[in-house]
């Protein structure tokens, strides 16, 4: 690895120092772009998790209500 790095940095590896710096700059820009996309995805996932939890709570409430109404109907149908 050290030999390869030395060759690249000295220009012996077929890549000049200027090209190497340009590649580093491009890679750093890509890393920043991907980090931004990751943060956006994490924010969206967190928001979606909150929505999911809210909807689960609503579903539980509705399930209880349906069961209550079903019992009332059952009682009324026996009258």
C-alpha atoms as a PDB file:
ATOM      1  CA  UNK A   1       0.000   0.000   0.000  1.00  0.00           C
ATOM      2  CA  UNK A   2       2.798   2.413   0.926  1.00  0.00           C
ATOM      3  CA  UNK A   3       4.613   1.604  -2.313  1.00  0.00           C
ATOM      4  CA  UNK A   4       1.457   2.264  -4.343  1.00  0.00           C
ATOM      5  CA  UNK A   5       0.849   5.539  -2.505  1.00  0.00           C
ATOM      6  CA  UNK A   6       4.449   6.634  -3.112  1.00  0.00           C
ATOM      7  CA  UNK A   7       4.157   5.810  -6.817  1.00  0.00           C
ATOM      8  CA  UNK A   8       0.899   7.733  -7.113  1.00  0.00           C
ATOM      9  CA  UNK A   9       2.186  10.734  -5.205  1.00  0.00           C
ATOM     10  CA  UNK A  10       5.429  10.830  -7.159  1.00  0.00           C
ATOM     11  CA  UNK A  11       3.704  10.399 -10.506  1.00  0.00           C
ATOM     12  CA  UNK A  12       5.234   7.008 -11.183  1.00  0.00           C
ATOM     13  CA  UNK A  13       1.888   5.242 -10.952  1.00  0.00           C
ATOM     14  CA  UNK A  14       0.543   6.900 -14.069  1.00  0.00           C
ATOM     15  CA  UNK A  15      -1.393   9.546 -12.137  1.00  0.00           C
ATOM     16  CA  UNK A  16       0.040  13.043 -11.771  1.00  0.00           C
ATOM     17  CA  UNK A  17      -0.236  14.989  -8.549  1.00  0.00           C
ATOM     18  CA  UNK A  18      -2.684  17.450 -10.145  1.00  0.00           C
ATOM     19  CA  UNK A  19      -4.887  14.592 -11.315  1.00  0.00           C
ATOM     20  CA  UNK A  20      -4.731  13.046  -7.872  1.00  0.00           C
ATOM     21  CA  UNK A  21      -5.797  16.329  -6.250  1.00  0.00           C
ATOM     22  CA  UNK A  22      -8.673  16.638  -8.737  1.00  0.00           C
ATOM     23  CA  UNK A  23      -9.769  13.074  -7.952  1.00  0.00           C
ATOM     24  CA  UNK A  24      -9.611  13.829  -4.219  1.00  0.00           C
ATOM     25  CA  UNK A  25     -11.670  16.995  -4.720  1.00  0.00           C
ATOM     26  CA  UNK A  26     -14.293  15.109  -6.730  1.00  0.00           C
ATOM     27  CA  UNK A  27     -14.460  12.300  -4.195  1.00  0.00           C
ATOM     28  CA  UNK A  28     -14.838  14.770  -1.313  1.00  0.00           C
ATOM     29  CA  UNK A  29     -17.632  16.549  -3.184  1.00  0.00           C
ATOM     30  CA  UNK A  30     -19.358  13.201  -3.798  1.00  0.00           C
ATOM     31  CA  UNK A  31     -18.971  12.262  -0.125  1.00  0.00           C
ATOM     32  CA  UNK A  32     -20.553  15.565   0.929  1.00  0.00           C
ATOM     33  CA  UNK A  33     -23.399  15.026  -1.539  1.00  0.00           C
ATOM     34  CA  UNK A  34     -24.024  11.526  -0.215  1.00  0.00           C
ATOM     35  CA  UNK A  35     -23.882  12.708   3.407  1.00  0.00           C
ATOM     36  CA  UNK A  36     -26.501  15.341   2.612  1.00  0.00           C
ATOM     37  CA  UNK A  37     -28.694  12.726   0.931  1.00  0.00           C
ATOM     38  CA  UNK A  38     -28.240  10.420   3.933  1.00  0.00           C
ATOM     39  CA  UNK A  39     -29.275  13.155   6.367  1.00  0.00           C
ATOM     40  CA  UNK A  40     -32.367  13.895   4.259  1.00  0.00           C
ATOM     41  CA  UNK A  41     -33.255  10.194   4.160  1.00  0.00           C
ATOM     42  CA  UNK A  42     -32.798   9.877   7.922  1.00  0.00           C
ATOM     43  CA  UNK A  43     -35.027  12.907   8.508  1.00  0.00           C
ATOM     44  CA  UNK A  44     -37.683  11.453   6.226  1.00  0.00           C
ATOM     45  CA  UNK A  45     -37.436   8.052   7.931  1.00  0.00           C
ATOM     46  CA  UNK A  46     -37.864   9.691  11.334  1.00  0.00           C
ATOM     47  CA  UNK A  47     -40.904  11.592  10.088  1.00  0.00           C
ATOM     48  CA  UNK A  48     -42.391   8.441   8.593  1.00  0.00           C
ATOM     49  CA  UNK A  49     -41.817   6.572  11.872  1.00  0.00           C
ATOM     50  CA  UNK A  50     -43.790   9.273  13.724  1.00  0.00           C
ATOM     51  CA  UNK A  51     -46.625   9.010  11.199  1.00  0.00           C
ATOM     52  CA  UNK A  52     -46.600   5.216  11.508  1.00  0.00           C
ATOM     53  CA  UNK A  53     -46.838   5.409  15.293  1.00  0.00           C
ATOM     54  CA  UNK A  54     -49.700   7.922  15.099  1.00  0.00           C
ATOM     55  CA  UNK A  55     -51.588   5.744  12.618  1.00  0.00           C
ATOM     56  CA  UNK A  56     -51.051   2.649  14.743  1.00  0.00           C
ATOM     57  CA  UNK A  57     -52.567   4.489  17.696  1.00  0.00           C
ATOM     58  CA  UNK A  58     -55.532   5.567  15.598  1.00  0.00           C
ATOM     59  CA  UNK A  59     -55.993   2.003  14.341  1.00  0.00           C
ATOM     60  CA  UNK A  60     -56.000   0.684  17.895  1.00  0.00           C
ATOM     61  CA  UNK A  61     -58.603   3.301  18.900  1.00  0.00           C
ATOM     62  CA  UNK A  62     -60.786   2.421  15.913  1.00  0.00           C
ATOM     63  CA  UNK A  63     -60.469  -1.297  16.593  1.00  0.00           C
ATOM     64  CA  UNK A  64     -61.657  -0.740  20.155  1.00  0.00           C
ATOM     65  CA  UNK A  65     -64.549   1.395  18.898  1.00  0.00           C
ATOM     66  CA  UNK A  66     -65.578  -1.229  16.320  1.00  0.00           C
ATOM     67  CA  UNK A  67     -65.526  -3.914  18.991  1.00  0.00           C
ATOM     68  CA  UNK A  68     -67.663  -1.731  21.289  1.00  0.00           C
ATOM     69  CA  UNK A  69     -70.193  -1.086  18.507  1.00  0.00           C
ATOM     70  CA  UNK A  70     -70.243  -4.780  17.605  1.00  0.00           C
ATOM     71  CA  UNK A  71     -71.132  -5.665  21.192  1.00  0.00           C
ATOM     72  CA  UNK A  72     -73.907  -3.048  21.219  1.00  0.00           C
ATOM     73  CA  UNK A  73     -75.315  -4.445  17.973  1.00  0.00           C
ATOM     74  CA  UNK A  74     -75.178  -7.958  19.391  1.00  0.00           C
ATOM     75  CA  UNK A  75     -77.066  -6.849  22.502  1.00  0.00           C
ATOM     76  CA  UNK A  76     -79.657  -4.936  20.480  1.00  0.00           C
ATOM     77  CA  UNK A  77     -80.196  -7.837  18.089  1.00  0.00           C
ATOM     78  CA  UNK A  78     -81.159 -10.102  20.989  1.00  0.00           C
ATOM     79  CA  UNK A  79     -83.956  -7.754  22.111  1.00  0.00           C
END
